Amino acid sequence: MTFIHTFYSEPLYGNKFADFEESLNNILWDYGCSAMFVKKFGHKIKLFTDERGKELMSCIPYDEIIVLNDINVTPHFAASFKFYALQQCGLGDILIDGDTILIDRRVFDIIRLAKQDVMFSFIEKNDYIMNLKPSKTYSTQKEYFEDLFQKMNVPGLKYDLPKISELQYFNTSLLKINNQDLKDEYVEQYFYHMNLLKDVDFGSTWPDLITEQHFLEKIVECNDCSYKPIIINFPSSKDWEDKIGFTHLGSQKRQFLPLMKQLILQKNRELYRAIYEKVQEEIKNRH
């Protein structure tokens, strides 16, 4: 199987996510650990990125790094690189986020055997979404999504925005598409909405929660496509995640950073040294 990482460097260097040093460490150690396990189980992994991203991520031994040239995006659409990658990927290639860690042969077997139109990580249901800690500029998730939907509520949307009380979406930290028509519609709608919303200042909100994740669910529903989440009954499924070796770090990146370092040190000292040196180099250049 071929797995795909994507990395858009501008949000990192523009401090879109968080403090630069914290984000840098999370990105390099997480991506390094994610790629290390894919290769450990005998699969290929490619990176789609920009020129600055290629230089940064060169410490990780990808099978191929593809530089995306002549693209026009903003940091608000950080997931856009996934869709540029999808345009060039083969049907059935698997996109995984840099903080998706697959550490057991069983999860690779589940992915390989999936024949549904689309496979993804899990479904984030409304009660889970609404109980997450909101962005630091918002007091509640309800307030966050009210602001996001207000910014997105422009003429021309292909799909209706949901009521906040009904919002849920497919978590696409892992994504395998086996249906070409579904893939084409998914990619087309993303670039359509990105162009439609390109002049909106989204502040600290993320339209990709809708254009990347919720709208995929809408496309699947509208076209009666088959789908399979790897993790059933998320989030009350920790035992199942542990059993098959699937982890999406998500908002817990900082908490799990020491474990990512430890895993790399134990299994690949050369990779550990390369990432450590790259982190130190980037921090030095930043000051």
Protein backbone atom coordinates (compact mmCIF):
# COMPACT_ATOMS: atom_id res chain seq x y z
CA MET A 1 0.00 0.00 0.00
CA THR A 2 0.99 3.60 -0.54
CA PHE A 3 0.39 6.11 2.23
CA ILE A 4 0.38 9.88 1.77
CA HIS A 5 1.44 12.66 4.12
CA THR A 6 0.82 16.29 3.25
CA PHE A 7 2.42 19.35 4.81
CA TYR A 8 1.71 23.02 4.16
CA SER A 9 4.48 25.09 5.75
CA GLU A 10 2.89 28.55 5.88
CA PRO A 11 0.66 27.94 8.93
CA LEU A 12 3.72 26.78 10.89
CA TYR A 13 5.95 29.70 9.96
CA GLY A 14 3.05 32.15 10.32
CA ASN A 15 2.23 30.89 13.85
CA LYS A 16 -1.32 29.95 12.78
CA PHE A 17 -1.41 26.91 15.06
CA ALA A 18 0.43 27.83 18.24
CA ASP A 19 3.88 28.81 19.46
CA PHE A 20 6.43 28.12 16.71
CA GLU A 21 8.78 25.93 18.76
CA GLU A 22 5.93 23.82 20.15
CA SER A 23 4.38 23.37 16.71
CA LEU A 24 7.75 22.56 15.11
CA ASN A 25 8.43 19.80 17.63
CA ASN A 26 4.95 18.34 17.31
CA ILE A 27 5.15 18.31 13.51
CA LEU A 28 8.59 16.77 13.07
CA TRP A 29 8.37 14.14 15.81
CA ASP A 30 4.77 13.16 14.93
CA TYR A 31 5.38 12.97 11.18
CA GLY A 32 8.61 11.10 11.79
CA CYS A 33 6.93 8.52 14.01
CA SER A 34 3.98 8.14 11.63
CA ALA A 35 6.26 7.57 8.62
CA MET A 36 8.55 5.25 10.56
CA PHE A 37 5.75 2.79 11.36
CA VAL A 38 4.35 2.82 7.81
CA LYS A 39 7.77 1.81 6.50
CA LYS A 40 8.32 -0.66 9.37
CA PHE A 41 5.36 -2.68 8.09
CA GLY A 42 6.65 -2.69 4.53
CA HIS A 43 4.55 0.04 2.92
CA LYS A 44 5.49 3.14 0.95
CA ILE A 45 4.91 6.69 2.13
CA LYS A 46 5.08 9.88 0.07
CA LEU A 47 4.99 13.52 1.12
CA PHE A 48 3.25 16.29 -0.79
CA THR A 49 4.48 19.69 0.37
CA ASP A 50 5.86 23.07 -0.72
CA GLU A 51 9.51 24.07 -1.19
CA ARG A 52 9.96 25.21 2.40
CA GLY A 53 8.23 22.07 3.62
CA LYS A 54 10.53 19.88 1.54
CA GLU A 55 13.59 21.42 3.17
CA LEU A 56 12.09 21.07 6.65
CA MET A 57 10.85 17.49 6.26
CA SER A 58 13.95 16.19 4.48
CA CYS A 59 15.11 14.65 7.77
CA ILE A 60 12.34 12.04 7.43
CA PRO A 61 13.10 9.19 4.96
CA TYR A 62 10.09 9.42 2.63
CA ASP A 63 10.02 7.22 -0.46
CA GLU A 64 9.23 10.36 -2.46
CA ILE A 65 8.71 14.06 -1.77
CA ILE A 66 6.50 15.85 -4.30
CA VAL A 67 6.68 19.66 -4.29
CA LEU A 68 3.40 21.36 -5.17
CA ASN A 69 4.12 24.37 -7.35
CA ASP A 70 1.88 27.14 -8.72
CA ILE A 71 -0.82 26.75 -6.10
CA ASN A 72 -2.87 29.54 -4.59
CA VAL A 73 -4.02 28.90 -1.03
CA THR A 74 -4.23 30.69 2.32
CA PRO A 75 -3.34 29.37 5.80
CA HIS A 76 -7.07 29.20 6.60
CA PHE A 77 -7.30 26.25 4.20
CA ALA A 78 -4.52 24.13 5.65
CA ALA A 79 -6.17 20.93 4.35
CA SER A 80 -5.89 22.16 0.76
CA PHE A 81 -2.65 20.20 0.27
CA LYS A 82 -4.62 16.98 0.85
CA PHE A 83 -6.78 17.83 -2.13
CA TYR A 84 -3.86 18.74 -4.37
CA ALA A 85 -2.39 15.38 -3.36
CA LEU A 86 -5.67 13.56 -4.09
CA GLN A 87 -5.57 14.94 -7.63
CA GLN A 88 -2.25 13.14 -8.18
CA CYS A 89 -2.77 10.01 -6.06
CA GLY A 90 -3.99 6.68 -7.28
CA LEU A 91 -7.43 5.44 -6.29
CA GLY A 92 -7.03 3.49 -3.07
CA ASP A 93 -3.93 5.35 -1.87
CA ILE A 94 -4.31 6.26 1.80
CA LEU A 95 -3.97 9.78 3.14
CA ILE A 96 -2.94 10.00 6.78
CA ASP A 97 -2.32 13.05 8.90
CA GLY A 98 1.15 13.45 10.33
CA ASP A 99 -0.28 12.78 13.80
CA THR A 100 -1.91 9.48 12.80
CA ILE A 101 0.17 6.62 14.16
CA LEU A 102 -0.42 3.03 12.99
CA ILE A 103 1.56 0.61 15.13
CA ASP A 104 0.11 -2.87 14.52
CA ARG A 105 -0.25 -5.14 11.49
CA ARG A 106 -3.95 -5.53 12.27
CA VAL A 107 -4.77 -1.93 11.40
CA PHE A 108 -2.89 -2.22 8.11
CA ASP A 109 -4.92 -5.34 7.31
CA ILE A 110 -8.17 -3.51 8.04
CA ILE A 111 -7.15 -0.69 5.69
CA ARG A 112 -5.99 -3.06 2.94
CA LEU A 113 -9.18 -5.11 3.00
CA ALA A 114 -11.58 -2.15 3.00
CA LYS A 115 -13.59 -2.16 -0.25
CA GLN A 116 -16.18 0.47 0.71
CA ASP A 117 -16.39 3.65 -1.36
CA VAL A 118 -14.63 5.51 1.44
CA MET A 119 -12.83 4.58 4.65
CA PHE A 120 -11.98 7.15 7.30
CA SER A 121 -10.89 7.26 10.94
CA PHE A 122 -14.14 7.67 12.87
CA ILE A 123 -17.32 9.76 13.15
CA GLU A 124 -17.15 12.76 15.46
CA LYS A 125 -20.68 13.07 16.80
CA ASN A 126 -22.36 16.21 18.07
CA ASP A 127 -22.01 15.62 21.79
CA TYR A 128 -18.30 14.89 21.37
CA ILE A 129 -17.66 17.97 19.21
CA MET A 130 -19.56 20.29 21.54
CA ASN A 131 -17.63 19.09 24.59
CA LEU A 132 -14.20 19.70 23.10
CA LYS A 133 -12.14 22.57 24.42
CA PRO A 134 -12.75 25.54 22.09
CA SER A 135 -10.14 27.75 20.51
CA LYS A 136 -8.62 30.13 23.06
CA THR A 137 -10.58 33.08 21.67
CA TYR A 138 -13.95 31.40 22.35
CA SER A 139 -15.61 30.41 25.61
CA THR A 140 -17.62 27.50 24.18
CA GLN A 141 -17.73 25.32 21.07
CA LYS A 142 -21.20 26.69 20.34
CA GLU A 143 -19.75 30.19 20.19
CA TYR A 144 -16.93 28.95 17.96
CA PHE A 145 -19.26 27.33 15.41
CA GLU A 146 -21.67 30.26 15.46
CA ASP A 147 -18.78 32.46 14.37
CA LEU A 148 -17.52 29.93 11.80
CA PHE A 149 -20.97 29.45 10.24
CA GLN A 150 -21.52 33.20 10.12
CA LYS A 151 -18.28 33.58 8.18
CA MET A 152 -19.16 30.69 5.86
CA ASN A 153 -22.77 31.74 5.25
CA VAL A 154 -22.31 33.23 1.78
CA PRO A 155 -24.33 32.72 -1.41
CA GLY A 156 -23.22 29.79 -3.55
CA LEU A 157 -22.48 27.01 -1.04
CA LYS A 158 -23.00 23.60 -2.64
CA TYR A 159 -24.42 22.13 0.55
CA ASP A 160 -26.41 23.58 3.43
CA LEU A 161 -24.57 24.32 6.64
CA PRO A 162 -25.91 22.16 9.47
CA LYS A 163 -27.64 23.37 12.59
CA ILE A 164 -25.09 23.48 15.38
CA SER A 165 -27.18 21.01 17.39
CA GLU A 166 -26.97 18.53 14.48
CA LEU A 167 -23.34 19.02 13.46
CA GLN A 168 -21.22 15.90 13.07
CA TYR A 169 -18.52 14.90 10.60
CA PHE A 170 -16.21 12.17 9.37
CA ASN A 171 -12.76 12.47 10.89
CA THR A 172 -10.40 12.28 7.91
CA SER A 173 -7.11 11.90 9.77
CA LEU A 174 -7.02 8.71 7.69
CA LEU A 175 -8.79 8.59 4.33
CA LYS A 176 -9.00 5.90 1.65
CA ILE A 177 -11.28 6.48 -1.34
CA ASN A 178 -12.12 3.59 -3.66
CA ASN A 179 -14.77 5.34 -5.78
CA GLN A 180 -13.54 7.65 -8.55
CA ASP A 181 -16.81 9.61 -8.86
CA LEU A 182 -16.85 10.22 -5.12
CA LYS A 183 -13.20 11.28 -5.19
CA ASP A 184 -13.80 13.69 -8.09
CA GLU A 185 -16.81 15.31 -6.42
CA TYR A 186 -15.02 15.58 -3.08
CA VAL A 187 -11.99 17.31 -4.62
CA GLU A 188 -14.09 19.57 -6.87
CA GLN A 189 -16.30 20.83 -4.04
CA TYR A 190 -13.29 21.61 -1.84
CA PHE A 191 -11.60 23.83 -4.40
CA TYR A 192 -14.94 25.39 -5.30
CA HIS A 193 -15.58 26.36 -1.67
CA MET A 194 -11.98 27.46 -1.12
CA ASN A 195 -12.29 29.84 -4.06
CA LEU A 196 -15.72 31.00 -2.88
CA LEU A 197 -14.42 31.79 0.61
CA LYS A 198 -10.87 32.90 -0.23
CA ASP A 199 -11.41 36.53 0.83
CA VAL A 200 -13.04 35.71 4.18
CA ASP A 201 -10.96 36.38 7.28
CA PHE A 202 -11.63 33.27 9.32
CA GLY A 203 -9.60 34.47 12.30
CA SER A 204 -8.95 31.47 14.54
CA THR A 205 -11.75 29.35 13.05
CA TRP A 206 -11.18 26.54 10.53
CA PRO A 207 -13.47 26.15 7.50
CA ASP A 208 -11.78 22.81 6.77
CA LEU A 209 -13.83 21.27 9.57
CA ILE A 210 -16.75 21.71 7.19
CA THR A 211 -15.26 21.64 3.68
CA GLU A 212 -12.94 18.71 4.36
CA GLN A 213 -14.97 16.67 6.83
CA HIS A 214 -18.67 17.55 7.11
CA PHE A 215 -19.13 17.99 3.36
CA LEU A 216 -17.59 14.55 2.75
CA GLU A 217 -20.35 13.10 4.90
CA LYS A 218 -22.91 15.10 2.87
CA ILE A 219 -21.51 13.76 -0.42
CA VAL A 220 -21.64 10.19 0.87
CA GLU A 221 -25.24 10.65 2.00
CA CYS A 222 -26.40 12.34 -1.21
CA ASN A 223 -24.85 9.66 -3.43
CA ASP A 224 -25.73 6.68 -1.24
CA CYS A 225 -22.07 5.69 -1.05
CA SER A 226 -20.77 2.93 1.21
CA TYR A 227 -18.42 3.92 4.02
CA LYS A 228 -16.44 2.41 6.86
CA PRO A 229 -14.92 4.10 9.91
CA ILE A 230 -11.88 2.29 11.27
CA ILE A 231 -12.96 3.08 14.83
CA ILE A 232 -16.56 2.22 15.69
CA ASN A 233 -18.47 4.04 18.45
CA PHE A 234 -15.86 6.76 18.87
CA PRO A 235 -14.93 8.06 21.43
CA SER A 236 -16.00 5.18 23.71
CA SER A 237 -13.69 2.80 21.85
CA LYS A 238 -10.25 3.23 23.37
CA ASP A 239 -9.84 -0.52 23.92
CA TRP A 240 -10.51 -1.15 20.21
CA GLU A 241 -8.00 1.51 19.19
CA ASP A 242 -5.35 -0.08 21.39
CA LYS A 243 -6.18 -3.56 20.11
CA ILE A 244 -5.65 -2.74 16.43
CA GLY A 245 -2.90 -0.15 16.90
CA PHE A 246 -4.60 3.03 15.62
CA THR A 247 -3.96 6.43 17.21
CA HIS A 248 -4.88 9.92 16.07
CA LEU A 249 -3.14 12.32 18.45
CA GLY A 250 -5.28 15.32 17.54
CA SER A 251 -5.40 17.89 20.34
CA GLN A 252 -3.21 15.65 22.53
CA LYS A 253 -0.06 16.21 20.47
CA ARG A 254 1.72 18.02 23.27
CA GLN A 255 0.86 15.34 25.81
CA PHE A 256 2.17 12.53 23.60
CA LEU A 257 5.31 14.28 22.33
CA PRO A 258 7.62 12.48 24.82
CA LEU A 259 6.19 9.13 23.67
CA MET A 260 6.78 9.96 19.99
CA LYS A 261 10.41 10.78 20.77
CA GLN A 262 10.80 7.62 22.84
CA LEU A 263 9.36 5.38 20.11
CA ILE A 264 11.69 6.83 17.48
CA LEU A 265 14.70 6.59 19.78
CA GLN A 266 13.93 2.93 20.50
CA LYS A 267 13.33 1.89 16.90
CA ASN A 268 15.45 4.19 14.73
CA ARG A 269 18.31 6.11 16.35
CA GLU A 270 19.42 7.55 13.02
CA LEU A 271 15.97 9.09 12.47
CA TYR A 272 15.96 10.39 16.04
CA ARG A 273 19.29 12.13 15.50
CA ALA A 274 18.16 13.62 12.16
CA ILE A 275 14.95 15.05 13.61
CA TYR A 276 16.68 16.37 16.73
CA GLU A 277 19.28 18.18 14.64
CA LYS A 278 16.62 19.64 12.32
CA VAL A 279 14.61 20.96 15.27
CA GLN A 280 17.69 22.65 16.74
CA GLU A 281 18.60 24.12 13.35
CA GLU A 282 15.13 25.58 12.81
CA ILE A 283 14.95 27.08 16.30
CA LYS A 284 18.39 28.66 15.85
CA ASN A 285 17.40 30.13 12.49
CA ARG A 286 14.20 31.51 13.98
CA HIS A 287 16.02 33.63 16.55
